[in-house]
Amino acid sequence: MTAKDCSVMITLAPCGEDELPEPNLEIQPSKRRFTYSVSILDLDPKPYESIAHQYKLDSKIVNYYLRSLQSKQEAAVSSLYLERDHEDCTLVFHPV
């Protein structure tokens, strides 16, 4: 599956003085205590097989944009997203 169009959900909740949050799940700006939760949602997962196709399509789009930008400006813009025959990609999903 690709996670190109995923949503990131972040929740912050104030902590009372007597509440003990889980270790490493606490931030303390200005001495106020908050617990947080971060979740990633993808309501329209795509198969892993489409990653290579989507990467090539994205490369073409970015390279076209960079070429059009170079033609409008005389300054050279370095290519940030070169077309490649093969790009290693690893997706790691953690249970929430």
PDB file of N, CA and C in Angstrom:
ATOM      1  N   MET A   1       0.832  -1.186   0.000  1.00  0.00           N
ATOM      2  CA  MET A   1       0.000   0.000   0.000  1.00  0.00           C
ATOM      3  C   MET A   1       0.874   1.245   0.000  1.00  0.00           C
ATOM      4  N   THR A   2       0.406   2.301  -0.636  1.00  0.00           N
ATOM      5  CA  THR A   2       1.105   3.579  -0.576  1.00  0.00           C
ATOM      6  C   THR A   2       0.373   4.483   0.404  1.00  0.00           C
ATOM      7  N   ALA A   3       1.075   5.428   0.972  1.00  0.00           N
ATOM      8  CA  ALA A   3       0.490   6.334   1.954  1.00  0.00           C
ATOM      9  C   ALA A   3       0.583   7.768   1.463  1.00  0.00           C
ATOM     10  N   LYS A   4       0.390   7.965   0.166  1.00  0.00           N
ATOM     11  CA  LYS A   4       0.553   9.288  -0.426  1.00  0.00           C
ATOM     12  C   LYS A   4      -0.553  10.253  -0.002  1.00  0.00           C
ATOM     13  N   ASP A   5      -1.750   9.755   0.164  1.00  0.00           N
ATOM     14  CA  ASP A   5      -2.881  10.624   0.483  1.00  0.00           C
ATOM     15  C   ASP A   5      -3.430  10.322   1.872  1.00  0.00           C
ATOM     16  N   CYS A   6      -2.557  10.056   2.818  1.00  0.00           N
ATOM     17  CA  CYS A   6      -3.004   9.704   4.159  1.00  0.00           C
ATOM     18  C   CYS A   6      -3.293  10.963   4.980  1.00  0.00           C
ATOM     19  N   SER A   7      -3.988  10.763   6.075  1.00  0.00           N
ATOM     20  CA  SER A   7      -4.289  11.843   7.006  1.00  0.00           C
ATOM     21  C   SER A   7      -3.540  11.587   8.303  1.00  0.00           C
ATOM     22  N   VAL A   8      -3.055  12.654   8.912  1.00  0.00           N
ATOM     23  CA  VAL A   8      -2.380  12.552  10.200  1.00  0.00           C
ATOM     24  C   VAL A   8      -3.282  13.207  11.233  1.00  0.00           C
ATOM     25  N   MET A   9      -3.647  12.447  12.251  1.00  0.00           N
ATOM     26  CA  MET A   9      -4.525  12.945  13.309  1.00  0.00           C
ATOM     27  C   MET A   9      -3.685  13.121  14.573  1.00  0.00           C
ATOM     28  N   ILE A  10      -3.698  14.336  15.132  1.00  0.00           N
ATOM     29  CA  ILE A  10      -2.939  14.630  16.345  1.00  0.00           C
ATOM     30  C   ILE A  10      -3.913  15.118  17.401  1.00  0.00           C
ATOM     31  N   THR A  11      -3.846  14.515  18.587  1.00  0.00           N
ATOM     32  CA  THR A  11      -4.718  14.893  19.687  1.00  0.00           C
ATOM     33  C   THR A  11      -3.865  15.340  20.862  1.00  0.00           C
ATOM     34  N   LEU A  12      -4.175  16.506  21.417  1.00  0.00           N
ATOM     35  CA  LEU A  12      -3.539  17.001  22.637  1.00  0.00           C
ATOM     36  C   LEU A  12      -4.618  17.140  23.694  1.00  0.00           C
ATOM     37  N   ALA A  13      -4.327  16.674  24.911  1.00  0.00           N
ATOM     38  CA  ALA A  13      -5.291  16.793  26.003  1.00  0.00           C
ATOM     39  C   ALA A  13      -4.547  17.235  27.260  1.00  0.00           C
ATOM     40  N   PRO A  14      -5.100  18.217  27.980  1.00  0.00           N
ATOM     41  CA  PRO A  14      -4.446  18.645  29.217  1.00  0.00           C
ATOM     42  C   PRO A  14      -4.460  17.515  30.244  1.00  0.00           C
ATOM     43  N   CYS A  15      -3.396  17.431  31.034  1.00  0.00           N
ATOM     44  CA  CYS A  15      -3.269  16.432  32.097  1.00  0.00           C
ATOM     45  C   CYS A  15      -3.508  17.113  33.428  1.00  0.00           C
ATOM     46  N   GLY A  16      -4.241  16.454  34.292  1.00  0.00           N
ATOM     47  CA  GLY A  16      -4.378  16.944  35.650  1.00  0.00           C
ATOM     48  C   GLY A  16      -3.118  16.637  36.435  1.00  0.00           C
ATOM     49  N   GLU A  17      -2.932  17.301  37.568  1.00  0.00           N
ATOM     50  CA  GLU A  17      -1.728  17.089  38.374  1.00  0.00           C
ATOM     51  C   GLU A  17      -1.646  15.662  38.900  1.00  0.00           C
ATOM     52  N   ASP A  18      -2.806  15.038  39.182  1.00  0.00           N
ATOM     53  CA  ASP A  18      -2.793  13.696  39.750  1.00  0.00           C
ATOM     54  C   ASP A  18      -2.731  12.600  38.686  1.00  0.00           C
ATOM     55  N   GLU A  19      -2.875  12.958  37.407  1.00  0.00           N
ATOM     56  CA  GLU A  19      -2.821  11.972  36.333  1.00  0.00           C
ATOM     57  C   GLU A  19      -1.373  11.729  35.935  1.00  0.00           C
ATOM     58  N   LEU A  20      -1.020  10.471  35.780  1.00  0.00           N
ATOM     59  CA  LEU A  20       0.325  10.118  35.341  1.00  0.00           C
ATOM     60  C   LEU A  20       0.245   9.577  33.926  1.00  0.00           C
ATOM     61  N   PRO A  21       0.733  10.321  32.933  1.00  0.00           N
ATOM     62  CA  PRO A  21       0.705   9.824  31.559  1.00  0.00           C
ATOM     63  C   PRO A  21       1.710   8.695  31.371  1.00  0.00           C
ATOM     64  N   GLU A  22       1.533   7.951  30.289  1.00  0.00           N
ATOM     65  CA  GLU A  22       2.484   6.890  29.959  1.00  0.00           C
ATOM     66  C   GLU A  22       3.864   7.513  29.750  1.00  0.00           C
ATOM     67  N   PRO A  23       4.930   6.754  30.017  1.00  0.00           N
ATOM     68  CA  PRO A  23       6.280   7.300  29.783  1.00  0.00           C
ATOM     69  C   PRO A  23       6.456   7.749  28.335  1.00  0.00           C
ATOM     70  N   ASN A  24       7.144   8.868  28.156  1.00  0.00           N
ATOM     71  CA  ASN A  24       7.455   9.433  26.835  1.00  0.00           C
ATOM     72  C   ASN A  24       6.225   9.917  26.076  1.00  0.00           C
ATOM     73  N   LEU A  25       5.092  10.050  26.725  1.00  0.00           N
ATOM     74  CA  LEU A  25       3.903  10.582  26.056  1.00  0.00           C
ATOM     75  C   LEU A  25       3.466  11.881  26.717  1.00  0.00           C
ATOM     76  N   GLU A  26       4.412  12.685  27.123  1.00  0.00           N
ATOM     77  CA  GLU A  26       4.098  13.918  27.823  1.00  0.00           C
ATOM     78  C   GLU A  26       4.979  15.041  27.289  1.00  0.00           C
ATOM     79  N   ILE A  27       4.370  16.208  27.053  1.00  0.00           N
ATOM     80  CA  ILE A  27       5.133  17.400  26.707  1.00  0.00           C
ATOM     81  C   ILE A  27       4.809  18.467  27.741  1.00  0.00           C
ATOM     82  N   GLN A  28       5.755  19.349  28.021  1.00  0.00           N
ATOM     83  CA  GLN A  28       5.554  20.328  29.081  1.00  0.00           C
ATOM     84  C   GLN A  28       5.908  21.740  28.638  1.00  0.00           C
ATOM     85  N   PRO A  29       5.139  22.352  27.751  1.00  0.00           N
ATOM     86  CA  PRO A  29       5.397  23.761  27.448  1.00  0.00           C
ATOM     87  C   PRO A  29       4.845  24.633  28.572  1.00  0.00           C
ATOM     88  N   SER A  30       5.630  25.548  29.075  1.00  0.00           N
ATOM     89  CA  SER A  30       5.211  26.489  30.121  1.00  0.00           C
ATOM     90  C   SER A  30       4.655  25.780  31.352  1.00  0.00           C
ATOM     91  N   LYS A  31       5.192  24.632  31.686  1.00  0.00           N
ATOM     92  CA  LYS A  31       4.829  23.862  32.878  1.00  0.00           C
ATOM     93  C   LYS A  31       3.414  23.294  32.846  1.00  0.00           C
ATOM     94  N   ARG A  32       2.654  23.503  31.781  1.00  0.00           N
ATOM     95  CA  ARG A  32       1.356  22.829  31.651  1.00  0.00           C
ATOM     96  C   ARG A  32       1.623  21.450  31.095  1.00  0.00           C
ATOM     97  N   ARG A  33       0.862  20.471  31.525  1.00  0.00           N
ATOM     98  CA  ARG A  33       1.090  19.099  31.101  1.00  0.00           C
ATOM     99  C   ARG A  33       0.016  18.668  30.107  1.00  0.00           C
ATOM    100  N   PHE A  34       0.474  18.005  29.034  1.00  0.00           N
ATOM    101  CA  PHE A  34      -0.420  17.500  28.004  1.00  0.00           C
ATOM    102  C   PHE A  34      -0.019  16.070  27.656  1.00  0.00           C
ATOM    103  N   THR A  35      -0.994  15.268  27.344  1.00  0.00           N
ATOM    104  CA  THR A  35      -0.710  13.976  26.723  1.00  0.00           C
ATOM    105  C   THR A  35      -1.065  14.120  25.255  1.00  0.00           C
ATOM    106  N   TYR A  36      -0.450  13.283  24.419  1.00  0.00           N
ATOM    107  CA  TYR A  36      -0.733  13.395  22.994  1.00  0.00           C
ATOM    108  C   TYR A  36      -0.872  12.018  22.370  1.00  0.00           C
ATOM    109  N   SER A  37      -1.547  12.001  21.240  1.00  0.00           N
ATOM    110  CA  SER A  37      -1.712  10.785  20.452  1.00  0.00           C
ATOM    111  C   SER A  37      -1.574  11.177  18.991  1.00  0.00           C
ATOM    112  N   VAL A  38      -0.850  10.371  18.217  1.00  0.00           N
ATOM    113  CA  VAL A  38      -0.678  10.609  16.790  1.00  0.00           C
ATOM    114  C   VAL A  38      -1.131   9.356  16.052  1.00  0.00           C
ATOM    115  N   SER A  39      -2.029   9.528  15.081  1.00  0.00           N
ATOM    116  CA  SER A  39      -2.527   8.409  14.281  1.00  0.00           C
ATOM    117  C   SER A  39      -2.432   8.766  12.809  1.00  0.00           C
ATOM    118  N   ILE A  40      -2.198   7.764  11.986  1.00  0.00           N
ATOM    119  CA  ILE A  40      -2.153   7.956  10.539  1.00  0.00           C
ATOM    120  C   ILE A  40      -3.248   7.102   9.919  1.00  0.00           C
ATOM    121  N   LEU A  41      -4.084   7.730   9.094  1.00  0.00           N
ATOM    122  CA  LEU A  41      -5.211   7.050   8.459  1.00  0.00           C
ATOM    123  C   LEU A  41      -5.081   7.107   6.948  1.00  0.00           C
ATOM    124  N   ASP A  42      -5.419   6.032   6.304  1.00  0.00           N
ATOM    125  CA  ASP A  42      -5.487   6.004   4.842  1.00  0.00           C
ATOM    126  C   ASP A  42      -6.778   5.289   4.478  1.00  0.00           C
ATOM    127  N   LEU A  43      -7.775   6.051   4.054  1.00  0.00           N
ATOM    128  CA  LEU A  43      -9.080   5.480   3.742  1.00  0.00           C
ATOM    129  C   LEU A  43      -9.136   4.832   2.373  1.00  0.00           C
ATOM    130  N   ASP A  44      -8.115   5.066   1.553  1.00  0.00           N
ATOM    131  CA  ASP A  44      -8.100   4.513   0.198  1.00  0.00           C
ATOM    132  C   ASP A  44      -6.736   3.882  -0.081  1.00  0.00           C
ATOM    133  N   PRO A  45      -6.403   2.778   0.622  1.00  0.00           N
ATOM    134  CA  PRO A  45      -5.074   2.182   0.420  1.00  0.00           C
ATOM    135  C   PRO A  45      -4.912   1.620  -0.987  1.00  0.00           C
ATOM    136  N   LYS A  46      -3.706   1.761  -1.515  1.00  0.00           N
ATOM    137  CA  LYS A  46      -3.374   1.253  -2.853  1.00  0.00           C
ATOM    138  C   LYS A  46      -2.427   0.068  -2.694  1.00  0.00           C
ATOM    139  N   PRO A  47      -2.367  -0.828  -3.670  1.00  0.00           N
ATOM    140  CA  PRO A  47      -1.455  -1.977  -3.562  1.00  0.00           C
ATOM    141  C   PRO A  47       0.007  -1.550  -3.685  1.00  0.00           C
ATOM    142  N   TYR A  48       0.890  -2.349  -3.074  1.00  0.00           N
ATOM    143  CA  TYR A  48       2.326  -2.077  -3.135  1.00  0.00           C
ATOM    144  C   TYR A  48       2.833  -2.022  -4.570  1.00  0.00           C
ATOM    145  N   GLU A  49       2.231  -2.796  -5.446  1.00  0.00           N
ATOM    146  CA  GLU A  49       2.692  -2.870  -6.827  1.00  0.00           C
ATOM    147  C   GLU A  49       2.610  -1.521  -7.543  1.00  0.00           C
ATOM    148  N   SER A  50       1.757  -0.625  -7.085  1.00  0.00           N
ATOM    149  CA  SER A  50       1.600   0.667  -7.761  1.00  0.00           C
ATOM    150  C   SER A  50       2.649   1.698  -7.342  1.00  0.00           C
ATOM    151  N   ILE A  51       3.493   1.384  -6.362  1.00  0.00           N
ATOM    152  CA  ILE A  51       4.492   2.351  -5.884  1.00  0.00           C
ATOM    153  C   ILE A  51       5.436   2.760  -7.003  1.00  0.00           C
ATOM    154  N   ALA A  52       5.950   1.799  -7.758  1.00  0.00           N
ATOM    155  CA  ALA A  52       6.894   2.125  -8.842  1.00  0.00           C
ATOM    156  C   ALA A  52       6.232   3.015  -9.889  1.00  0.00           C
ATOM    157  N   HIS A  53       4.989   2.701 -10.262  1.00  0.00           N
ATOM    158  CA  HIS A  53       4.272   3.514 -11.252  1.00  0.00           C
ATOM    159  C   HIS A  53       4.050   4.934 -10.727  1.00  0.00           C
ATOM    160  N   GLN A  54       3.611   5.063  -9.483  1.00  0.00           N
ATOM    161  CA  GLN A  54       3.367   6.384  -8.905  1.00  0.00           C
ATOM    162  C   GLN A  54       4.660   7.186  -8.794  1.00  0.00           C
ATOM    163  N   TYR A  55       5.771   6.523  -8.463  1.00  0.00           N
ATOM    164  CA  TYR A  55       7.057   7.215  -8.374  1.00  0.00           C
ATOM    165  C   TYR A  55       7.462   7.768  -9.741  1.00  0.00           C
ATOM    166  N   LYS A  56       7.317   6.959 -10.785  1.00  0.00           N
ATOM    167  CA  LYS A  56       7.665   7.425 -12.134  1.00  0.00           C
ATOM    168  C   LYS A  56       6.771   8.591 -12.550  1.00  0.00           C
ATOM    169  N   LEU A  57       5.485   8.492 -12.245  1.00  0.00           N
ATOM    170  CA  LEU A  57       4.558   9.572 -12.582  1.00  0.00           C
ATOM    171  C   LEU A  57       4.932  10.854 -11.836  1.00  0.00           C
ATOM    172  N   ASP A  58       5.221  10.739 -10.547  1.00  0.00           N
ATOM    173  CA  ASP A  58       5.639  11.909  -9.767  1.00  0.00           C
ATOM    174  C   ASP A  58       6.931  12.503 -10.313  1.00  0.00           C
ATOM    175  N   SER A  59       7.870  11.651 -10.715  1.00  0.00           N
ATOM    176  CA  SER A  59       9.130  12.130 -11.293  1.00  0.00           C
ATOM    177  C   SER A  59       8.882  12.937 -12.555  1.00  0.00           C
ATOM    178  N   LYS A  60       7.999  12.455 -13.409  1.00  0.00           N
ATOM    179  CA  LYS A  60       7.685  13.175 -14.644  1.00  0.00           C
ATOM    180  C   LYS A  60       7.056  14.530 -14.342  1.00  0.00           C
ATOM    181  N   ILE A  61       6.140  14.555 -13.394  1.00  0.00           N
ATOM    182  CA  ILE A  61       5.466  15.808 -13.037  1.00  0.00           C
ATOM    183  C   ILE A  61       6.475  16.823 -12.500  1.00  0.00           C
ATOM    184  N   VAL A  62       7.329  16.400 -11.567  1.00  0.00           N
ATOM    185  CA  VAL A  62       8.303  17.316 -10.964  1.00  0.00           C
ATOM    186  C   VAL A  62       9.320  17.776 -11.995  1.00  0.00           C
ATOM    187  N   ASN A  63       9.800  16.857 -12.830  1.00  0.00           N
ATOM    188  CA  ASN A  63      10.778  17.240 -13.854  1.00  0.00           C
ATOM    189  C   ASN A  63      10.181  18.197 -14.880  1.00  0.00           C
ATOM    190  N   TYR A  64       8.933  18.009 -15.251  1.00  0.00           N
ATOM    191  CA  TYR A  64       8.278  18.947 -16.164  1.00  0.00           C
ATOM    192  C   TYR A  64       8.195  20.330 -15.518  1.00  0.00           C
ATOM    193  N   TYR A  65       7.815  20.356 -14.238  1.00  0.00           N
ATOM    194  CA  TYR A  65       7.735  21.630 -13.528  1.00  0.00           C
ATOM    195  C   TYR A  65       9.108  22.308 -13.479  1.00  0.00           C
ATOM    196  N   LEU A  66      10.154  21.540 -13.147  1.00  0.00           N
ATOM    197  CA  LEU A  66      11.497  22.127 -13.070  1.00  0.00           C
ATOM    198  C   LEU A  66      11.957  22.656 -14.424  1.00  0.00           C
ATOM    199  N   ARG A  67      11.653  21.929 -15.505  1.00  0.00           N
ATOM    200  CA  ARG A  67      12.030  22.407 -16.842  1.00  0.00           C
ATOM    201  C   ARG A  67      11.272  23.683 -17.193  1.00  0.00           C
ATOM    202  N   SER A  68       9.989  23.742 -16.857  1.00  0.00           N
ATOM    203  CA  SER A  68       9.227  24.957 -17.164  1.00  0.00           C
ATOM    204  C   SER A  68       9.708  26.128 -16.316  1.00  0.00           C
ATOM    205  N   LEU A  69      10.117  25.847 -15.087  1.00  0.00           N
ATOM    206  CA  LEU A  69      10.658  26.889 -14.215  1.00  0.00           C
ATOM    207  C   LEU A  69      11.974  27.414 -14.774  1.00  0.00           C
ATOM    208  N   GLN A  70      12.817  26.505 -15.269  1.00  0.00           N
ATOM    209  CA  GLN A  70      14.098  26.911 -15.838  1.00  0.00           C
ATOM    210  C   GLN A  70      13.898  27.753 -17.088  1.00  0.00           C
ATOM    211  N   SER A  71      12.881  27.433 -17.877  1.00  0.00           N
ATOM    212  CA  SER A  71      12.657  28.215 -19.094  1.00  0.00           C
ATOM    213  C   SER A  71      12.145  29.612 -18.765  1.00  0.00           C
ATOM    214  N   LYS A  72      11.439  29.760 -17.644  1.00  0.00           N
ATOM    215  CA  LYS A  72      10.938  31.072 -17.244  1.00  0.00           C
ATOM    216  C   LYS A  72      12.018  31.895 -16.555  1.00  0.00           C
ATOM    217  N   GLN A  73      12.922  31.232 -15.884  1.00  0.00           N
ATOM    218  CA  GLN A  73      14.000  31.925 -15.183  1.00  0.00           C
ATOM    219  C   GLN A  73      15.319  31.573 -15.843  1.00  0.00           C
ATOM    220  N   GLU A  74      16.218  32.500 -15.866  1.00  0.00           N
ATOM    221  CA  GLU A  74      17.519  32.220 -16.474  1.00  0.00           C
ATOM    222  C   GLU A  74      18.451  31.503 -15.505  1.00  0.00           C
ATOM    223  N   ALA A  75      18.149  31.560 -14.252  1.00  0.00           N
ATOM    224  CA  ALA A  75      18.987  30.876 -13.264  1.00  0.00           C
ATOM    225  C   ALA A  75      18.745  29.374 -13.346  1.00  0.00           C
ATOM    226  N   ALA A  76      19.793  28.613 -13.214  1.00  0.00           N
ATOM    227  CA  ALA A  76      19.672  27.153 -13.252  1.00  0.00           C
ATOM    228  C   ALA A  76      19.115  26.655 -11.922  1.00  0.00           C
ATOM    229  N   VAL A  77      18.178  25.740 -12.022  1.00  0.00           N
ATOM    230  CA  VAL A  77      17.587  25.129 -10.840  1.00  0.00           C
ATOM    231  C   VAL A  77      18.009  23.667 -10.832  1.00  0.00           C
ATOM    232  N   SER A  78      18.618  23.250  -9.767  1.00  0.00           N
ATOM    233  CA  SER A  78      19.073  21.856  -9.718  1.00  0.00           C
ATOM    234  C   SER A  78      17.873  20.919  -9.635  1.00  0.00           C
ATOM    235  N   SER A  79      17.998  19.794 -10.279  1.00  0.00           N
ATOM    236  CA  SER A  79      16.921  18.812 -10.290  1.00  0.00           C
ATOM    237  C   SER A  79      16.885  18.085  -8.953  1.00  0.00           C
ATOM    238  N   LEU A  80      15.774  18.229  -8.253  1.00  0.00           N
ATOM    239  CA  LEU A  80      15.639  17.617  -6.942  1.00  0.00           C
ATOM    240  C   LEU A  80      15.101  16.197  -7.025  1.00  0.00           C
ATOM    241  N   TYR A  81      14.499  15.890  -8.132  1.00  0.00           N
ATOM    242  CA  TYR A  81      13.743  14.641  -8.219  1.00  0.00           C
ATOM    243  C   TYR A  81      14.036  14.013  -9.568  1.00  0.00           C
ATOM    244  N   LEU A  82      15.170  13.395  -9.705  1.00  0.00           N
ATOM    245  CA  LEU A  82      15.577  12.837 -10.988  1.00  0.00           C
ATOM    246  C   LEU A  82      14.848  11.532 -11.254  1.00  0.00           C
ATOM    247  N   GLU A  83      14.574  11.280 -12.525  1.00  0.00           N
ATOM    248  CA  GLU A  83      13.993   9.997 -12.890  1.00  0.00           C
ATOM    249  C   GLU A  83      15.035   8.919 -12.657  1.00  0.00           C
ATOM    250  N   ARG A  84      14.613   7.859 -12.044  1.00  0.00           N
ATOM    251  CA  ARG A  84      15.513   6.750 -11.756  1.00  0.00           C
ATOM    252  C   ARG A  84      14.832   5.467 -12.203  1.00  0.00           C
ATOM    253  N   ASP A  85      15.653   4.512 -12.615  1.00  0.00           N
ATOM    254  CA  ASP A  85      15.096   3.229 -13.019  1.00  0.00           C
ATOM    255  C   ASP A  85      14.585   2.445 -11.826  1.00  0.00           C
ATOM    256  N   HIS A  86      15.260   2.597 -10.692  1.00  0.00           N
ATOM    257  CA  HIS A  86      14.896   1.797  -9.532  1.00  0.00           C
ATOM    258  C   HIS A  86      15.148   2.614  -8.272  1.00  0.00           C
ATOM    259  N   GLU A  87      14.206   2.621  -7.382  1.00  0.00           N
ATOM    260  CA  GLU A  87      14.346   3.332  -6.120  1.00  0.00           C
ATOM    261  C   GLU A  87      13.869   2.403  -5.018  1.00  0.00           C
ATOM    262  N   ASP A  88      14.720   2.151  -4.028  1.00  0.00           N
ATOM    263  CA  ASP A  88      14.327   1.309  -2.911  1.00  0.00           C
ATOM    264  C   ASP A  88      13.384   2.086  -2.013  1.00  0.00           C
ATOM    265  N   CYS A  89      12.345   1.420  -1.564  1.00  0.00           N
ATOM    266  CA  CYS A  89      11.356   2.069  -0.707  1.00  0.00           C
ATOM    267  C   CYS A  89      10.873   1.044   0.312  1.00  0.00           C
ATOM    268  N   THR A  90      10.870   1.421   1.573  1.00  0.00           N
ATOM    269  CA  THR A  90      10.387   0.538   2.619  1.00  0.00           C
ATOM    270  C   THR A  90       9.329   1.283   3.408  1.00  0.00           C
ATOM    271  N   LEU A  91       8.161   0.686   3.537  1.00  0.00           N
ATOM    272  CA  LEU A  91       7.100   1.250   4.355  1.00  0.00           C
ATOM    273  C   LEU A  91       6.996   0.411   5.615  1.00  0.00           C
ATOM    274  N   VAL A  92       6.931   1.066   6.764  1.00  0.00           N
ATOM    275  CA  VAL A  92       6.799   0.361   8.026  1.00  0.00           C
ATOM    276  C   VAL A  92       5.522   0.845   8.685  1.00  0.00           C
ATOM    277  N   PHE A  93       4.639  -0.070   9.015  1.00  0.00           N
ATOM    278  CA  PHE A  93       3.391   0.271   9.672  1.00  0.00           C
ATOM    279  C   PHE A  93       3.454  -0.223  11.110  1.00  0.00           C
ATOM    280  N   HIS A  94       3.148   0.645  12.051  1.00  0.00           N
ATOM    281  CA  HIS A  94       3.149   0.298  13.462  1.00  0.00           C
ATOM    282  C   HIS A  94       1.712   0.272  13.961  1.00  0.00           C
ATOM    283  N   PRO A  95       1.361  -0.686  14.803  1.00  0.00           N
ATOM    284  CA  PRO A  95       0.004  -0.708  15.349  1.00  0.00           C
ATOM    285  C   PRO A  95      -0.230   0.512  16.232  1.00  0.00           C
ATOM    286  N   VAL A  96      -1.447   1.032  16.205  1.00  0.00           N
ATOM    287  CA  VAL A  96      -1.796   2.210  17.002  1.00  0.00           C
ATOM    288  C   VAL A  96      -2.740   1.795  18.101  1.00  0.00           C
TER     289      VAL A  96
END
